[in-house]
Amino acid sequence: MTTYSVKQVAKTLGIGTSTINRWIRLNYLKAIREGSRTYSINKEDLKNFLANPPSYRGRGCRAKGLVALIDRDVLKAL
């Protein structure tokens, strides 16, 4: 099972680690807690998230827009 750190995912997607951590905190992106503030993200969970972004309402919910901007080649490369 391939896993990625928050930093690796953020770098691959070209977004900040705080965005990835927010998605994890809001349960948009599944992650495994490795330490008190460390997470690992399963490859399949990341691919599923990018292929099927969650639907949501309200302020501070910009994940869908950001995911739409991510180059689909990144998804294929995972």
C-alpha atoms as a PDB file:
ATOM      1  CA  MET A   1       0.000   0.000   0.000  1.00  0.00           C
ATOM      2  CA  THR A   2       1.499   3.292  -1.129  1.00  0.00           C
ATOM      3  CA  THR A   3       1.065   6.255   1.188  1.00  0.00           C
ATOM      4  CA  TYR A   4       2.034   9.903   0.933  1.00  0.00           C
ATOM      5  CA  SER A   5       2.745  12.579   3.519  1.00  0.00           C
ATOM      6  CA  VAL A   6       0.752  15.801   3.613  1.00  0.00           C
ATOM      7  CA  LYS A   7       3.817  17.621   2.317  1.00  0.00           C
ATOM      8  CA  GLN A   8       4.197  15.227  -0.634  1.00  0.00           C
ATOM      9  CA  VAL A   9       0.533  15.585  -1.621  1.00  0.00           C
ATOM     10  CA  ALA A  10       0.659  19.373  -1.330  1.00  0.00           C
ATOM     11  CA  LYS A  11       3.791  19.568  -3.473  1.00  0.00           C
ATOM     12  CA  THR A  12       2.364  17.199  -6.100  1.00  0.00           C
ATOM     13  CA  LEU A  13      -0.892  19.156  -6.334  1.00  0.00           C
ATOM     14  CA  GLY A  14       0.783  22.554  -6.155  1.00  0.00           C
ATOM     15  CA  ILE A  15      -1.152  23.719  -3.099  1.00  0.00           C
ATOM     16  CA  GLY A  16      -0.295  24.450   0.527  1.00  0.00           C
ATOM     17  CA  THR A  17      -0.046  21.927   3.328  1.00  0.00           C
ATOM     18  CA  SER A  18      -2.640  23.909   5.267  1.00  0.00           C
ATOM     19  CA  THR A  19      -5.175  23.171   2.511  1.00  0.00           C
ATOM     20  CA  ILE A  20      -4.466  19.438   2.697  1.00  0.00           C
ATOM     21  CA  ASN A  21      -4.707  19.523   6.501  1.00  0.00           C
ATOM     22  CA  ARG A  22      -8.019  21.396   6.241  1.00  0.00           C
ATOM     23  CA  TRP A  23      -9.415  18.759   3.854  1.00  0.00           C
ATOM     24  CA  ILE A  24      -8.350  16.059   6.317  1.00  0.00           C
ATOM     25  CA  ARG A  25      -9.811  17.921   9.294  1.00  0.00           C
ATOM     26  CA  LEU A  26     -13.135  18.421   7.471  1.00  0.00           C
ATOM     27  CA  ASN A  27     -13.180  14.719   6.463  1.00  0.00           C
ATOM     28  CA  TYR A  28     -13.040  15.534   2.748  1.00  0.00           C
ATOM     29  CA  LEU A  29      -9.817  13.544   2.384  1.00  0.00           C
ATOM     30  CA  LYS A  30      -9.235  10.305   4.263  1.00  0.00           C
ATOM     31  CA  ALA A  31      -5.928  10.073   6.121  1.00  0.00           C
ATOM     32  CA  ILE A  32      -4.239   7.921   8.713  1.00  0.00           C
ATOM     33  CA  ARG A  33      -2.956   9.642  11.828  1.00  0.00           C
ATOM     34  CA  GLU A  34       0.703   8.719  12.284  1.00  0.00           C
ATOM     35  CA  GLY A  35       1.511  11.027  15.194  1.00  0.00           C
ATOM     36  CA  SER A  36       0.074  13.937  17.102  1.00  0.00           C
ATOM     37  CA  ARG A  37       0.151  16.172  14.005  1.00  0.00           C
ATOM     38  CA  THR A  38       1.323  13.834  11.260  1.00  0.00           C
ATOM     39  CA  TYR A  39      -0.864  12.110   8.692  1.00  0.00           C
ATOM     40  CA  SER A  40      -0.310   9.709   5.834  1.00  0.00           C
ATOM     41  CA  ILE A  41      -2.637   9.541   2.868  1.00  0.00           C
ATOM     42  CA  ASN A  42      -3.325   6.294   1.065  1.00  0.00           C
ATOM     43  CA  LYS A  43      -2.801   6.434  -2.708  1.00  0.00           C
ATOM     44  CA  GLU A  44      -6.251   5.027  -3.434  1.00  0.00           C
ATOM     45  CA  ASP A  45      -7.947   7.505  -1.077  1.00  0.00           C
ATOM     46  CA  LEU A  46      -6.154  10.389  -2.791  1.00  0.00           C
ATOM     47  CA  LYS A  47      -7.109   9.153  -6.259  1.00  0.00           C
ATOM     48  CA  ASN A  48     -10.722   8.735  -5.155  1.00  0.00           C
ATOM     49  CA  PHE A  49     -10.792  12.234  -3.659  1.00  0.00           C
ATOM     50  CA  LEU A  50      -9.378  13.815  -6.817  1.00  0.00           C
ATOM     51  CA  ALA A  51     -11.668  11.869  -9.121  1.00  0.00           C
ATOM     52  CA  ASN A  52     -14.798  12.526  -7.010  1.00  0.00           C
ATOM     53  CA  PRO A  53     -14.466  15.741  -4.990  1.00  0.00           C
ATOM     54  CA  PRO A  54     -17.065  16.118  -2.239  1.00  0.00           C
ATOM     55  CA  SER A  55     -20.063  18.388  -2.575  1.00  0.00           C
ATOM     56  CA  TYR A  56     -20.488  20.946   0.178  1.00  0.00           C
ATOM     57  CA  ARG A  57     -22.036  24.257   1.053  1.00  0.00           C
ATOM     58  CA  GLY A  58     -21.016  27.241   3.107  1.00  0.00           C
ATOM     59  CA  ARG A  59     -18.020  29.418   3.659  1.00  0.00           C
ATOM     60  CA  GLY A  60     -14.511  28.064   3.569  1.00  0.00           C
ATOM     61  CA  CYS A  61     -15.399  25.146   1.278  1.00  0.00           C
ATOM     62  CA  ARG A  62     -13.220  25.711  -1.734  1.00  0.00           C
ATOM     63  CA  ALA A  63     -11.889  22.177  -2.187  1.00  0.00           C
ATOM     64  CA  LYS A  64     -14.074  21.473  -5.209  1.00  0.00           C
ATOM     65  CA  GLY A  65     -12.794  24.534  -7.043  1.00  0.00           C
ATOM     66  CA  LEU A  66      -9.182  23.729  -6.238  1.00  0.00           C
ATOM     67  CA  VAL A  67      -9.555  20.116  -7.275  1.00  0.00           C
ATOM     68  CA  ALA A  68     -11.059  21.242 -10.579  1.00  0.00           C
ATOM     69  CA  LEU A  69      -7.895  23.241 -11.277  1.00  0.00           C
ATOM     70  CA  ILE A  70      -5.558  20.308 -10.668  1.00  0.00           C
ATOM     71  CA  ASP A  71      -4.018  18.964 -13.841  1.00  0.00           C
ATOM     72  CA  ARG A  72      -5.554  15.585 -14.661  1.00  0.00           C
ATOM     73  CA  ASP A  73      -2.061  14.339 -15.580  1.00  0.00           C
ATOM     74  CA  VAL A  74      -1.250  14.468 -11.859  1.00  0.00           C
ATOM     75  CA  LEU A  75      -4.098  12.051 -11.205  1.00  0.00           C
ATOM     76  CA  LYS A  76      -2.846   9.702 -13.913  1.00  0.00           C
ATOM     77  CA  ALA A  77       0.690   9.848 -12.498  1.00  0.00           C
ATOM     78  CA  LEU A  78      -0.424   8.634  -9.070  1.00  0.00           C
END
